[in-house]
Amino acid sequence: MKYLDVVITLLLSILLTLGVGYENRMMITGGCLFLALTFLSSKWWLKWLFIFPIGLVAVLYFYSGYIYGQPNIGIVASLFETNKRETIEFLLAIPPKVIILNAILFIAFSYYLIRVKFVFKWHKTVFLFGCFCFCFSSLNLFVYHCYTSVNHYIIQMNTLKNSIHQGSNWHILKVKPRYKTYVLIIGESMRKDYMSSYGYPLNTTPFLATTPGVFVNGYLSTASHTAVSLPRTLAISHGLDLNPVNNIITLANTAKMKTIWLSNQGFIGQYDTAVSAIAVHASEKKFLKKGNFLTNNTSDYSLLPLFKQALAEPYSGSKLIVLHIMGSHENFCDRIKKDSYNLKDKDLSCYLSTYNQTDTIIKTIVNDLKATQDSYSLMYFSDHGLNNVSAIKGKTQLVHGDLYKQNYEVPLIEIASDIHQHIMLNKQISAFNFMSIFSNWIGVKTAQLPSLNVYQLPQNKKIQVLSGNQMVLFESLKNDPDEIIHR
């Protein structure tokens, strides 16, 4: 029976380490956890008052940890800002393998708590050594990263919520808009290497692949999750620090532009999400989803009539219309009306079909802008990319992550009434500079930041991105190449 206890404890240590996202440190953190669970097992009170609550949280985190990795501010933000429909979609998308492993983990954890008890002669020494091992174990790292991630998220949300009641302190030096209508489309989970406009062999973005415009090849998102990336893109930010009151909407408002925010993303409650805390500054705002149990799987196409209506509203000055789309959000097959490619790899086929859908939406909006016969400029970027966690060739599973370059390599595109060529600009640019790009785009100069377009921004080979809870060099990240097409 003791042999079985050893096997169960070892299995528990391995599964817990995998489930809290420390697979790459299995030998050290998993080994220390095995020793800690072994040496501390003789103390029943310790198991139930200490190991049980921590282990239970780790067991419940298994789905997220196994797929997305260790806790970070992005995962915490997703947890707090996800509506019930998205939760159901997440649970339905969990691979059977992960469900089976989690069931085994639950059984092993229950067996350990009830049956496992190793007795040692030197009680105090063994107890102290067990505590020492726990300090270097995967469970202790899990507790630490949970605490720091939640703390970072609370600080971010408090900063964003406080900004709602603060006036911006923009010091405007000059306002000279170039266009009558500005349209900013914020995409979701679209990495650029799957776009035919950036060289992917399948024609996923037929309109963007041929239309005149400026395509930045080297634009890097600030972070790998929407709730962390967008506040740092759409407002002045330096890494973890935020100045959310000085954002794209308050800047446009100060420049006397009419601001309209149209969103197909959730609006859980008043100012409850990182993005809605910025959107609320717009003079007009419409959210298709309210984030309750009855939240519909609304198509991005539903934004088009609202856009046309906003476009038709009379205004003597310039107008900024922001569209925040669902784009390529997981689950991909729920985002589309039809599978455009019917590949053997169903997940990839639906993912690429979301690209085609976004391409069609951009084409429709551009045609609507042309029909007004006014000058216009449209800018599109994606908040972050995804990475493939499937080890099976020809069967992709694209998820959020922060360990790969493709989690950050996203498109930045401008289409305008006075751009007549298809230009590919090969330059590495950080989304932390988006506020400078935006101010130049709408023709506003401020004392707070330089007004620079994508041509004027210097080439930067040492860009840092927010990975987990810290800034890391983009070049230090691993590569996740796009998947070969299987028909």
Protein backbone atom coordinates (compact mmCIF):
# COMPACT_ATOMS: atom_id res chain seq x y z
CA MET A 1 0.00 0.00 0.00
CA LYS A 2 2.92 2.35 0.75
CA TYR A 3 4.19 1.75 -2.78
CA LEU A 4 0.78 2.85 -4.11
CA ASP A 5 0.91 5.91 -1.84
CA VAL A 6 4.28 6.88 -3.34
CA VAL A 7 2.97 6.44 -6.89
CA ILE A 8 -0.18 8.48 -6.13
CA THR A 9 1.85 11.26 -4.49
CA LEU A 10 4.24 11.37 -7.46
CA LEU A 11 1.34 11.43 -9.93
CA LEU A 12 -0.34 14.17 -7.90
CA SER A 13 2.85 16.25 -7.92
CA ILE A 14 3.24 15.91 -11.70
CA LEU A 15 -0.40 16.74 -12.47
CA LEU A 16 -0.52 19.68 -10.07
CA THR A 17 2.65 21.11 -11.61
CA LEU A 18 1.23 20.69 -15.12
CA GLY A 19 -2.10 22.13 -14.03
CA VAL A 20 -0.73 25.34 -12.57
CA GLY A 21 1.39 26.03 -15.65
CA TYR A 22 4.95 25.16 -14.64
CA GLU A 23 5.65 22.32 -17.06
CA ASN A 24 8.93 23.96 -18.11
CA ARG A 25 10.14 23.77 -14.48
CA MET A 26 8.87 20.28 -13.76
CA MET A 27 12.12 18.78 -12.41
CA ILE A 28 12.66 21.44 -9.73
CA THR A 29 9.17 22.65 -8.80
CA GLY A 30 7.50 19.28 -9.32
CA GLY A 31 10.27 17.47 -7.45
CA CYS A 32 10.06 19.86 -4.52
CA LEU A 33 6.29 19.45 -4.44
CA PHE A 34 6.65 15.65 -4.31
CA LEU A 35 9.06 15.91 -1.37
CA ALA A 36 6.83 18.46 0.39
CA LEU A 37 3.69 16.34 -0.02
CA THR A 38 5.58 13.29 1.21
CA PHE A 39 7.19 14.84 4.29
CA LEU A 40 4.12 16.83 5.32
CA SER A 41 1.63 13.98 4.88
CA SER A 42 1.91 12.75 8.48
CA LYS A 43 0.33 15.96 9.81
CA TRP A 44 -3.42 15.61 9.26
CA TRP A 45 -4.16 19.16 10.41
CA LEU A 46 -1.53 20.48 7.98
CA LYS A 47 -3.02 18.57 5.06
CA TRP A 48 -6.55 19.81 5.66
CA LEU A 49 -5.85 23.39 6.79
CA PHE A 50 -2.97 24.16 4.43
CA ILE A 51 -2.54 21.73 1.53
CA PHE A 52 -6.28 21.15 0.96
CA PRO A 53 -7.35 24.77 0.23
CA ILE A 54 -4.31 25.52 -1.95
CA GLY A 55 -4.58 22.20 -3.74
CA LEU A 56 -8.31 22.64 -4.32
CA VAL A 57 -7.76 26.00 -6.02
CA ALA A 58 -5.02 24.40 -8.13
CA VAL A 59 -7.36 21.55 -9.12
CA LEU A 60 -10.03 24.06 -10.16
CA TYR A 61 -7.41 26.06 -12.09
CA PHE A 62 -6.22 22.95 -13.97
CA TYR A 63 -8.14 23.66 -17.21
CA SER A 64 -6.72 27.19 -17.49
CA GLY A 65 -3.25 26.29 -16.27
CA TYR A 66 -2.80 23.31 -18.56
CA ILE A 67 -3.93 25.26 -21.63
CA TYR A 68 -2.84 28.86 -20.90
CA GLY A 69 -0.06 28.52 -18.33
CA GLN A 70 0.70 30.03 -14.95
CA PRO A 71 -1.52 32.77 -13.47
CA ASN A 72 -0.94 36.28 -14.79
CA ILE A 73 -2.83 39.55 -14.97
CA GLY A 74 -4.31 38.62 -18.36
CA ILE A 75 -5.81 35.36 -17.10
CA VAL A 76 -7.14 37.08 -13.97
CA ALA A 77 -8.67 39.85 -16.09
CA SER A 78 -10.30 37.27 -18.35
CA LEU A 79 -11.73 35.52 -15.28
CA PHE A 80 -13.29 38.69 -13.88
CA GLU A 81 -14.44 40.17 -17.21
CA THR A 82 -15.90 37.05 -18.85
CA ASN A 83 -19.66 36.73 -19.15
CA LYS A 84 -21.51 33.46 -18.63
CA ARG A 85 -21.76 32.67 -22.33
CA GLU A 86 -17.99 32.96 -22.76
CA THR A 87 -17.53 30.71 -19.71
CA ILE A 88 -19.74 28.07 -21.31
CA GLU A 89 -17.84 28.43 -24.60
CA PHE A 90 -14.55 27.96 -22.73
CA LEU A 91 -15.78 24.81 -20.99
CA LEU A 92 -17.15 23.33 -24.22
CA ALA A 93 -13.81 23.93 -25.96
CA ILE A 94 -11.75 21.99 -23.39
CA PRO A 95 -10.13 18.96 -25.10
CA PRO A 96 -11.21 15.52 -23.76
CA LYS A 97 -7.60 14.78 -22.82
CA VAL A 98 -7.55 17.73 -20.40
CA ILE A 99 -10.89 16.70 -18.86
CA ILE A 100 -9.56 13.17 -18.27
CA LEU A 101 -6.33 14.46 -16.72
CA ASN A 102 -8.29 16.78 -14.44
CA ALA A 103 -10.49 13.88 -13.32
CA ILE A 104 -7.38 11.81 -12.55
CA LEU A 105 -5.95 14.77 -10.62
CA PHE A 106 -9.14 15.09 -8.57
CA ILE A 107 -9.06 11.37 -7.68
CA ALA A 108 -5.35 11.46 -6.83
CA PHE A 109 -5.81 14.57 -4.67
CA SER A 110 -8.75 13.00 -2.82
CA TYR A 111 -6.80 9.78 -2.25
CA TYR A 112 -3.81 11.74 -0.93
CA LEU A 113 -5.91 13.70 1.54
CA ILE A 114 -7.77 10.66 2.88
CA ARG A 115 -5.29 7.78 2.68
CA VAL A 116 -1.68 8.93 2.31
CA LYS A 117 0.32 9.19 5.52
CA PHE A 118 4.09 8.67 5.61
CA VAL A 119 5.50 8.33 9.14
CA PHE A 120 9.09 9.42 9.81
CA LYS A 121 11.24 9.02 12.91
CA TRP A 122 12.61 12.57 13.07
CA HIS A 123 9.29 14.43 13.10
CA LYS A 124 10.52 18.01 13.58
CA THR A 125 13.38 17.71 11.08
CA VAL A 126 11.13 16.10 8.48
CA PHE A 127 8.46 18.76 9.05
CA LEU A 128 10.97 21.60 8.58
CA PHE A 129 12.44 19.96 5.48
CA GLY A 130 8.93 19.50 4.06
CA CYS A 131 8.18 23.19 4.61
CA PHE A 132 11.51 24.10 2.99
CA CYS A 133 10.69 21.97 -0.07
CA PHE A 134 7.23 23.52 -0.32
CA CYS A 135 8.80 26.98 -0.59
CA PHE A 136 10.38 25.90 -3.90
CA SER A 137 7.42 23.88 -5.14
CA SER A 138 5.00 24.58 -8.00
CA LEU A 139 2.14 25.13 -5.53
CA ASN A 140 4.01 27.88 -3.73
CA LEU A 141 4.83 29.54 -7.07
CA PHE A 142 1.14 29.22 -7.95
CA VAL A 143 0.12 31.01 -4.74
CA TYR A 144 2.68 33.76 -5.38
CA HIS A 145 1.62 34.33 -8.98
CA CYS A 146 -2.07 34.27 -8.03
CA TYR A 147 -1.46 36.96 -5.42
CA THR A 148 0.67 39.22 -7.66
CA SER A 149 -1.67 38.79 -10.64
CA VAL A 150 -4.80 39.64 -8.67
CA ASN A 151 -2.98 42.57 -7.07
CA HIS A 152 -1.88 43.94 -10.47
CA TYR A 153 -5.40 43.54 -11.82
CA ILE A 154 -7.00 45.32 -8.84
CA ILE A 155 -4.54 48.20 -9.21
CA GLN A 156 -5.30 48.42 -12.95
CA MET A 157 -9.07 48.39 -12.46
CA ASN A 158 -8.94 50.93 -9.62
CA THR A 159 -6.83 53.19 -11.83
CA LEU A 160 -9.28 52.79 -14.72
CA LYS A 161 -12.37 53.33 -12.56
CA ASN A 162 -10.86 56.40 -10.90
CA SER A 163 -10.12 57.83 -14.35
CA ILE A 164 -13.87 57.83 -15.11
CA HIS A 165 -14.37 60.67 -12.65
CA GLN A 166 -11.22 62.57 -13.57
CA GLY A 167 -10.88 65.12 -16.31
CA SER A 168 -8.12 64.59 -18.83
CA ASN A 169 -5.18 66.97 -18.68
CA TRP A 170 -4.36 67.13 -22.36
CA HIS A 171 -2.44 70.26 -23.30
CA ILE A 172 -3.36 70.77 -26.95
CA LEU A 173 -0.81 72.67 -29.04
CA LYS A 174 -2.39 72.31 -32.47
CA VAL A 175 -5.47 70.74 -34.09
CA LYS A 176 -5.49 70.22 -37.84
CA PRO A 177 -7.47 67.11 -38.87
CA ARG A 178 -6.74 65.82 -42.34
CA TYR A 179 -9.95 63.85 -42.85
CA LYS A 180 -13.65 64.33 -42.24
CA THR A 181 -14.20 60.82 -40.87
CA TYR A 182 -11.82 58.64 -38.87
CA VAL A 183 -12.66 54.98 -38.28
CA LEU A 184 -10.71 52.82 -35.85
CA ILE A 185 -11.46 49.09 -35.95
CA ILE A 186 -10.08 47.09 -33.02
CA GLY A 187 -9.70 43.44 -33.94
CA GLU A 188 -9.49 40.44 -31.65
CA SER A 189 -6.95 37.58 -31.53
CA MET A 190 -5.74 38.04 -35.12
CA ARG A 191 -2.07 37.26 -35.67
CA LYS A 192 -0.71 38.71 -38.89
CA ASP A 193 0.98 35.61 -40.31
CA TYR A 194 -2.38 33.98 -41.10
CA MET A 195 -3.41 36.97 -43.24
CA SER A 196 -2.90 36.64 -47.00
CA SER A 197 -2.24 40.39 -46.99
CA TYR A 198 0.89 39.55 -44.96
CA GLY A 199 1.89 36.55 -47.08
CA TYR A 200 -0.19 33.56 -45.93
CA PRO A 201 -0.71 31.20 -48.92
CA LEU A 202 -4.47 30.78 -48.43
CA ASN A 203 -6.47 33.84 -49.51
CA THR A 204 -7.84 34.71 -46.06
CA THR A 205 -8.04 38.49 -46.55
CA PRO A 206 -8.81 39.06 -50.26
CA PHE A 207 -9.83 42.71 -49.87
CA LEU A 208 -6.91 43.71 -47.67
CA ALA A 209 -4.47 41.81 -49.90
CA THR A 210 -5.20 44.08 -52.85
CA THR A 211 -6.63 47.37 -51.55
CA PRO A 212 -4.45 50.49 -51.39
CA GLY A 213 -3.20 51.10 -47.88
CA VAL A 214 -0.22 51.11 -45.53
CA PHE A 215 0.46 47.74 -43.91
CA VAL A 216 2.94 47.74 -41.02
CA ASN A 217 4.90 44.48 -40.92
CA GLY A 218 6.42 44.50 -37.44
CA TYR A 219 3.72 46.02 -35.24
CA LEU A 220 3.76 44.41 -31.78
CA SER A 221 0.88 44.46 -29.28
CA THR A 222 1.58 45.63 -25.74
CA ALA A 223 0.30 42.43 -24.09
CA SER A 224 -1.28 39.08 -24.89
CA HIS A 225 -4.79 39.51 -23.41
CA THR A 226 -7.44 42.07 -24.40
CA ALA A 227 -8.02 43.47 -20.90
CA VAL A 228 -4.30 44.09 -20.44
CA SER A 229 -3.33 45.01 -24.00
CA LEU A 230 -5.97 47.58 -24.93
CA PRO A 231 -5.70 49.90 -21.89
CA ARG A 232 -1.97 50.11 -22.66
CA THR A 233 -2.60 50.71 -26.36
CA LEU A 234 -5.50 53.16 -26.23
CA ALA A 235 -4.07 55.30 -23.40
CA ILE A 236 -0.67 56.63 -22.40
CA SER A 237 1.21 53.78 -20.78
CA HIS A 238 4.72 52.71 -19.85
CA GLY A 239 4.76 48.98 -19.16
CA LEU A 240 2.70 48.09 -16.10
CA ASP A 241 1.96 51.77 -15.38
CA LEU A 242 -1.19 53.34 -16.81
CA ASN A 243 -2.45 56.88 -17.37
CA PRO A 244 -5.94 55.88 -18.57
CA VAL A 245 -7.56 59.31 -18.37
CA ASN A 246 -5.35 60.45 -21.26
CA ASN A 247 -6.71 58.09 -23.90
CA ILE A 248 -7.79 58.18 -27.55
CA ILE A 249 -11.36 59.20 -26.72
CA THR A 250 -10.51 62.05 -24.34
CA LEU A 251 -7.90 63.29 -26.83
CA ALA A 252 -10.42 63.31 -29.68
CA ASN A 253 -13.02 64.96 -27.41
CA THR A 254 -10.55 67.69 -26.44
CA ALA A 255 -9.89 68.27 -30.16
CA LYS A 256 -13.67 68.89 -30.61
CA MET A 257 -14.22 65.71 -32.61
CA LYS A 258 -17.47 63.76 -32.31
CA THR A 259 -16.63 60.39 -30.74
CA ILE A 260 -18.74 57.26 -31.23
CA TRP A 261 -17.90 53.83 -29.77
CA LEU A 262 -19.62 50.74 -31.22
CA SER A 263 -18.81 47.41 -29.60
CA ASN A 264 -19.62 43.75 -30.07
CA GLN A 265 -17.62 42.92 -26.96
CA GLY A 266 -19.23 42.51 -23.55
CA PHE A 267 -20.26 45.31 -21.21
CA ILE A 268 -20.70 43.46 -17.91
CA GLY A 269 -21.66 46.46 -15.82
CA GLN A 270 -20.99 50.14 -15.69
CA TYR A 271 -17.22 50.59 -16.15
CA ASP A 272 -16.60 46.95 -15.10
CA THR A 273 -14.17 46.10 -17.89
CA ALA A 274 -10.84 47.64 -18.79
CA VAL A 275 -12.03 48.64 -22.26
CA SER A 276 -15.47 49.95 -21.28
CA ALA A 277 -13.73 52.27 -18.80
CA ILE A 278 -12.18 53.98 -21.83
CA ALA A 279 -15.23 53.67 -24.09
CA VAL A 280 -17.44 55.43 -21.55
CA HIS A 281 -15.75 58.75 -22.40
CA ALA A 282 -17.22 58.67 -25.94
CA SER A 283 -20.06 61.10 -26.65
CA GLU A 284 -22.07 58.15 -28.03
CA LYS A 285 -21.59 54.46 -27.20
CA LYS A 286 -23.47 51.30 -28.08
CA PHE A 287 -22.67 47.82 -26.79
CA LEU A 288 -24.39 44.88 -28.48
CA LYS A 289 -23.70 42.63 -25.47
CA LYS A 290 -24.61 43.40 -21.89
CA GLY A 291 -22.75 40.44 -20.38
CA ASN A 292 -25.65 38.73 -18.61
CA PHE A 293 -26.83 35.13 -18.90
CA LEU A 294 -28.94 35.93 -21.96
CA THR A 295 -26.02 37.47 -23.82
CA ASN A 296 -26.33 36.45 -27.46
CA ASN A 297 -23.61 35.23 -29.75
CA THR A 298 -23.98 38.42 -31.78
CA SER A 299 -22.24 38.57 -35.14
CA ASP A 300 -19.85 41.40 -35.95
CA TYR A 301 -22.05 42.04 -38.99
CA SER A 302 -24.61 43.47 -36.54
CA LEU A 303 -22.31 46.47 -36.09
CA LEU A 304 -22.62 47.49 -39.74
CA PRO A 305 -26.10 49.10 -39.53
CA LEU A 306 -24.99 50.97 -36.40
CA PHE A 307 -21.89 52.17 -38.24
CA LYS A 308 -23.93 53.37 -41.19
CA GLN A 309 -26.22 55.24 -38.81
CA ALA A 310 -23.25 56.85 -37.02
CA LEU A 311 -21.72 57.78 -40.35
CA ALA A 312 -24.92 59.53 -41.45
CA GLU A 313 -25.21 61.67 -38.31
CA PRO A 314 -24.55 65.32 -39.25
CA TYR A 315 -21.55 67.00 -37.65
CA SER A 316 -19.69 70.09 -38.78
CA GLY A 317 -16.28 68.93 -37.60
CA SER A 318 -14.40 65.65 -37.85
CA LYS A 319 -15.80 62.44 -36.48
CA LEU A 320 -14.11 59.43 -34.80
CA ILE A 321 -15.99 56.12 -34.96
CA VAL A 322 -14.47 53.20 -33.03
CA LEU A 323 -15.65 49.64 -33.71
CA HIS A 324 -14.57 46.94 -31.26
CA ILE A 325 -15.31 43.61 -32.91
CA MET A 326 -15.27 39.99 -31.69
CA GLY A 327 -13.09 39.15 -34.69
CA SER A 328 -11.21 35.89 -34.11
CA HIS A 329 -12.16 35.38 -30.48
CA GLU A 330 -12.33 31.78 -29.29
CA ASN A 331 -14.48 29.68 -30.09
CA PHE A 332 -13.85 30.39 -33.74
CA CYS A 333 -16.70 28.37 -35.24
CA ASP A 334 -19.18 30.39 -33.16
CA ARG A 335 -17.90 33.65 -34.67
CA ILE A 336 -18.73 32.86 -38.30
CA LYS A 337 -21.82 32.33 -40.45
CA LYS A 338 -20.10 29.67 -42.54
CA ASP A 339 -16.78 27.85 -42.83
CA SER A 340 -15.16 29.42 -45.89
CA TYR A 341 -12.39 26.83 -46.32
CA ASN A 342 -13.62 23.41 -45.07
CA LEU A 343 -10.14 22.26 -44.09
CA LYS A 344 -9.52 18.92 -42.40
CA ASP A 345 -8.27 20.93 -39.44
CA LYS A 346 -11.65 22.25 -38.29
CA ASP A 347 -10.29 24.65 -35.65
CA LEU A 348 -7.88 26.24 -38.11
CA SER A 349 -10.55 26.34 -40.82
CA CYS A 350 -12.93 28.30 -38.59
CA TYR A 351 -10.10 30.55 -37.36
CA LEU A 352 -9.14 31.46 -40.93
CA SER A 353 -12.82 31.99 -41.75
CA THR A 354 -12.96 34.67 -39.05
CA TYR A 355 -10.20 36.45 -40.97
CA ASN A 356 -12.31 36.33 -44.11
CA GLN A 357 -15.28 37.69 -42.17
CA THR A 358 -13.28 40.59 -40.72
CA ASP A 359 -11.92 41.31 -44.20
CA THR A 360 -15.49 41.50 -45.55
CA ILE A 361 -16.55 43.82 -42.72
CA ILE A 362 -13.62 46.17 -43.41
CA LYS A 363 -14.47 46.13 -47.13
CA THR A 364 -18.11 47.02 -46.37
CA ILE A 365 -17.08 49.88 -44.08
CA VAL A 366 -14.64 51.25 -46.68
CA ASN A 367 -17.38 51.16 -49.33
CA ASP A 368 -19.73 53.01 -46.95
CA LEU A 369 -17.04 55.64 -46.39
CA LYS A 370 -16.49 56.05 -50.12
CA ALA A 371 -20.23 56.50 -50.65
CA THR A 372 -20.23 59.64 -48.46
CA GLN A 373 -17.74 61.29 -50.86
CA ASP A 374 -16.06 62.84 -47.81
CA SER A 375 -12.39 62.37 -46.97
CA TYR A 376 -11.78 59.43 -44.65
CA SER A 377 -9.13 57.30 -43.01
CA LEU A 378 -9.61 53.84 -41.53
CA MET A 379 -7.14 52.19 -39.18
CA TYR A 380 -7.26 48.53 -38.15
CA PHE A 381 -5.20 46.63 -35.62
CA SER A 382 -5.64 43.52 -33.50
CA ASP A 383 -5.28 43.56 -29.72
CA HIS A 384 -3.07 40.44 -29.60
CA GLY A 385 -2.38 37.13 -31.33
CA LEU A 386 -2.67 33.47 -30.31
CA ASN A 387 -0.39 30.45 -30.20
CA ASN A 388 -0.87 26.78 -31.05
CA VAL A 389 -0.70 24.38 -28.09
CA SER A 390 -1.54 21.21 -30.02
CA ALA A 391 1.25 18.68 -30.49
CA ILE A 392 -0.73 16.82 -33.17
CA LYS A 393 0.24 17.67 -36.74
CA GLY A 394 -2.71 18.94 -38.73
CA LYS A 395 -4.85 19.64 -35.66
CA THR A 396 -4.36 23.11 -34.24
CA GLN A 397 -5.55 24.50 -30.94
CA LEU A 398 -4.99 28.25 -30.90
CA VAL A 399 -5.18 29.87 -27.47
CA HIS A 400 -4.06 32.94 -25.54
CA GLY A 401 -0.48 32.85 -24.35
CA ASP A 402 2.52 35.07 -23.68
CA LEU A 403 5.53 32.86 -24.46
CA TYR A 404 5.59 33.23 -28.25
CA LYS A 405 6.32 36.07 -30.66
CA GLN A 406 3.08 35.35 -32.50
CA ASN A 407 1.12 36.27 -29.34
CA TYR A 408 2.23 39.84 -30.10
CA GLU A 409 2.76 40.02 -33.88
CA VAL A 410 -0.44 41.63 -35.13
CA PRO A 411 -1.54 43.74 -38.11
CA LEU A 412 -1.60 47.53 -38.20
CA ILE A 413 -3.26 48.86 -41.35
CA GLU A 414 -4.36 52.27 -42.61
CA ILE A 415 -6.71 52.72 -45.57
CA ALA A 416 -7.51 56.30 -46.57
CA SER A 417 -9.17 58.31 -49.32
CA ASP A 418 -5.79 59.75 -50.34
CA ILE A 419 -3.75 56.52 -50.20
CA HIS A 420 -3.57 55.04 -53.70
CA GLN A 421 -0.86 52.38 -53.38
CA HIS A 422 -0.53 49.10 -51.51
CA ILE A 423 2.48 49.71 -49.26
CA MET A 424 4.16 47.17 -46.98
CA LEU A 425 6.23 48.94 -44.32
CA ASN A 426 8.76 46.58 -42.75
CA LYS A 427 9.46 48.20 -39.41
CA GLN A 428 9.26 47.00 -35.81
CA ILE A 429 6.90 49.29 -33.89
CA SER A 430 5.50 48.88 -30.39
CA ALA A 431 1.82 49.39 -29.61
CA PHE A 432 3.06 51.36 -26.60
CA ASN A 433 3.63 54.07 -29.25
CA PHE A 434 0.06 53.86 -30.56
CA MET A 435 -0.98 57.06 -28.79
CA SER A 436 1.70 58.94 -30.74
CA ILE A 437 0.49 57.33 -33.97
CA PHE A 438 -3.12 58.15 -33.10
CA SER A 439 -2.49 61.81 -32.27
CA ASN A 440 -0.64 62.25 -35.57
CA TRP A 441 -3.41 60.40 -37.41
CA ILE A 442 -6.19 62.72 -36.19
CA GLY A 443 -3.98 65.79 -36.64
CA VAL A 444 -3.50 66.76 -32.99
CA LYS A 445 -0.28 67.89 -31.34
CA THR A 446 -0.01 67.78 -27.55
CA ALA A 447 2.55 68.62 -24.92
CA GLN A 448 2.27 65.13 -23.43
CA LEU A 449 3.56 62.98 -26.28
CA PRO A 450 5.25 63.21 -29.67
CA SER A 451 2.96 63.19 -32.70
CA LEU A 452 4.56 60.70 -35.09
CA ASN A 453 3.28 58.57 -37.94
CA VAL A 454 4.52 55.05 -38.68
CA TYR A 455 7.17 56.40 -41.05
CA GLN A 456 8.53 58.85 -38.48
CA LEU A 457 8.71 56.40 -35.58
CA PRO A 458 12.27 55.07 -35.26
CA GLN A 459 13.04 51.42 -35.90
CA ASN A 460 13.25 49.65 -32.54
CA LYS A 461 14.94 46.26 -32.26
CA LYS A 462 14.72 46.14 -28.46
CA ILE A 463 10.97 46.35 -27.96
CA GLN A 464 9.62 45.03 -24.68
CA VAL A 465 6.19 43.46 -24.26
CA LEU A 466 4.15 42.62 -21.19
CA SER A 467 4.51 38.87 -20.68
CA GLY A 468 2.81 37.52 -17.58
CA ASN A 469 3.33 40.20 -14.97
CA GLN A 470 6.60 41.61 -16.25
CA MET A 471 8.16 43.35 -19.24
CA VAL A 472 10.38 41.12 -21.38
CA LEU A 473 12.32 41.60 -24.60
CA PHE A 474 10.23 40.55 -27.57
CA GLU A 475 13.26 38.90 -29.19
CA SER A 476 13.65 36.60 -26.17
CA LEU A 477 10.32 34.89 -26.94
CA LYS A 478 9.96 31.57 -28.76
CA ASN A 479 8.61 31.14 -32.28
CA ASP A 480 5.27 29.54 -33.15
CA PRO A 481 5.13 29.23 -36.96
CA ASP A 482 1.82 29.26 -38.80
CA GLU A 483 0.28 25.85 -39.48
CA ILE A 484 0.55 24.06 -42.82
CA ILE A 485 -2.79 23.85 -44.59
CA HIS A 486 -4.38 20.38 -44.76
CA ARG A 487 -7.33 19.99 -47.15
